[in-house]
Amino acid sequence: MSYYADKGNKYAQVPDLVIDFHGYTTFECQEVTDKLIRDREYSHVRMIIGRGKRSAHGPVLPDFVKNYLTSQNIRWNQSKIQDGGEGSLEVFFE
């Protein structure tokens, strides 16, 4: 799993955890997300989901992750351009 954690954050816009989902299946993304929901260890997670530009059949992961988070009532928004833009989400587990 590609991620890093920094629990000593001073500023709210800096995530507690960054997860790079490149190369993951939708099932693997769901497993990781379920664990984050269940554990509630981090309040702000940046999920790098890519844009699906290299997918043979178009983007799958971005839509899956956004829809899954929404179905679980998890608040998220698109990252700022310097933080990954449309290929990254800021996710808030409150």
Protein backbone atom coordinates (compact mmCIF):
# COMPACT_ATOMS: atom_id res chain seq x y z
CA MET A 1 0.00 0.00 0.00
CA SER A 2 1.34 3.45 -0.86
CA TYR A 3 0.60 5.95 1.85
CA TYR A 4 2.11 8.13 4.50
CA ALA A 5 0.76 9.46 7.76
CA ASP A 6 1.55 12.62 9.66
CA LYS A 7 -0.47 12.83 12.85
CA GLY A 8 1.31 15.98 14.02
CA ASN A 9 -0.34 18.30 11.51
CA LYS A 10 -0.54 21.96 12.38
CA TYR A 11 -2.83 23.06 9.55
CA ALA A 12 -6.25 21.68 8.65
CA GLN A 13 -5.52 21.60 4.89
CA VAL A 14 -2.72 19.07 5.39
CA PRO A 15 -4.10 15.52 5.41
CA ASP A 16 -3.37 13.05 8.19
CA LEU A 17 -2.89 10.33 5.59
CA VAL A 18 -2.27 10.15 1.83
CA ILE A 19 -3.19 6.97 -0.05
CA ASP A 20 -2.22 6.41 -3.69
CA PHE A 21 -4.77 4.07 -5.29
CA HIS A 22 -2.96 3.77 -8.64
CA GLY A 23 -2.97 0.10 -9.61
CA TYR A 24 -5.69 -0.85 -7.13
CA THR A 25 -8.88 -2.66 -8.08
CA THR A 26 -12.25 -1.29 -7.03
CA PHE A 27 -12.47 -4.14 -4.50
CA GLU A 28 -9.12 -3.15 -2.97
CA CYS A 29 -10.17 0.51 -2.82
CA GLN A 30 -13.38 -0.47 -1.07
CA GLU A 31 -11.49 -2.60 1.46
CA VAL A 32 -9.12 0.24 2.34
CA THR A 33 -11.95 2.77 2.52
CA ASP A 34 -14.04 0.47 4.72
CA LYS A 35 -11.10 0.14 7.11
CA LEU A 36 -10.72 3.92 7.26
CA ILE A 37 -14.44 4.29 7.98
CA ARG A 38 -14.40 1.56 10.61
CA ASP A 39 -11.21 2.64 12.41
CA ARG A 40 -11.79 6.42 12.31
CA GLU A 41 -8.08 6.85 13.00
CA TYR A 42 -7.70 9.75 10.57
CA SER A 43 -10.00 12.71 10.08
CA HIS A 44 -8.60 14.02 6.78
CA VAL A 45 -7.30 11.67 4.11
CA ARG A 46 -6.10 12.55 0.62
CA MET A 47 -6.96 9.76 -1.82
CA ILE A 48 -5.01 9.80 -5.06
CA ILE A 49 -7.41 8.11 -7.47
CA GLY A 50 -5.97 9.17 -10.82
CA ARG A 51 -7.98 10.39 -13.78
CA GLY A 52 -8.30 7.09 -15.62
CA LYS A 53 -6.49 8.39 -18.70
CA ARG A 54 -4.54 5.13 -19.13
CA SER A 55 -7.45 2.78 -18.49
CA ALA A 56 -8.32 0.67 -21.50
CA HIS A 57 -12.07 1.19 -21.05
CA GLY A 58 -12.04 4.69 -19.60
CA PRO A 59 -11.94 5.85 -16.00
CA VAL A 60 -13.28 3.36 -13.46
CA LEU A 61 -11.62 4.12 -10.16
CA PRO A 62 -12.43 7.86 -9.89
CA ASP A 63 -16.17 7.30 -10.34
CA PHE A 64 -16.19 4.22 -8.13
CA VAL A 65 -14.43 5.94 -5.21
CA LYS A 66 -16.57 9.10 -5.42
CA ASN A 67 -19.80 7.09 -5.60
CA TYR A 68 -18.73 4.77 -2.79
CA LEU A 69 -17.80 7.64 -0.47
CA THR A 70 -21.10 9.35 -1.23
CA SER A 71 -23.07 6.13 -0.58
CA GLN A 72 -21.37 5.87 2.84
CA ASN A 73 -22.21 9.52 3.67
CA ILE A 74 -18.52 10.45 3.75
CA ARG A 75 -17.78 14.09 2.91
CA TRP A 76 -15.21 14.63 0.16
CA ASN A 77 -14.17 17.28 -2.33
CA GLN A 78 -11.77 17.57 -5.22
CA SER A 79 -8.22 18.41 -4.22
CA LYS A 80 -6.69 21.73 -5.15
CA ILE A 81 -4.63 21.65 -8.32
CA GLN A 82 -1.33 21.71 -6.38
CA ASP A 83 -2.53 18.67 -4.37
CA GLY A 84 -3.52 16.52 -7.34
CA GLY A 85 -6.52 18.31 -8.83
CA GLU A 86 -9.05 16.06 -10.53
CA GLY A 87 -6.93 12.97 -9.81
CA SER A 88 -7.15 13.39 -6.05
CA LEU A 89 -9.83 13.72 -3.37
CA GLU A 90 -9.83 15.30 0.07
CA VAL A 91 -11.88 12.95 2.27
CA PHE A 92 -13.16 13.86 5.73
CA PHE A 93 -14.00 11.19 8.28
CA GLU A 94 -15.80 13.22 10.95
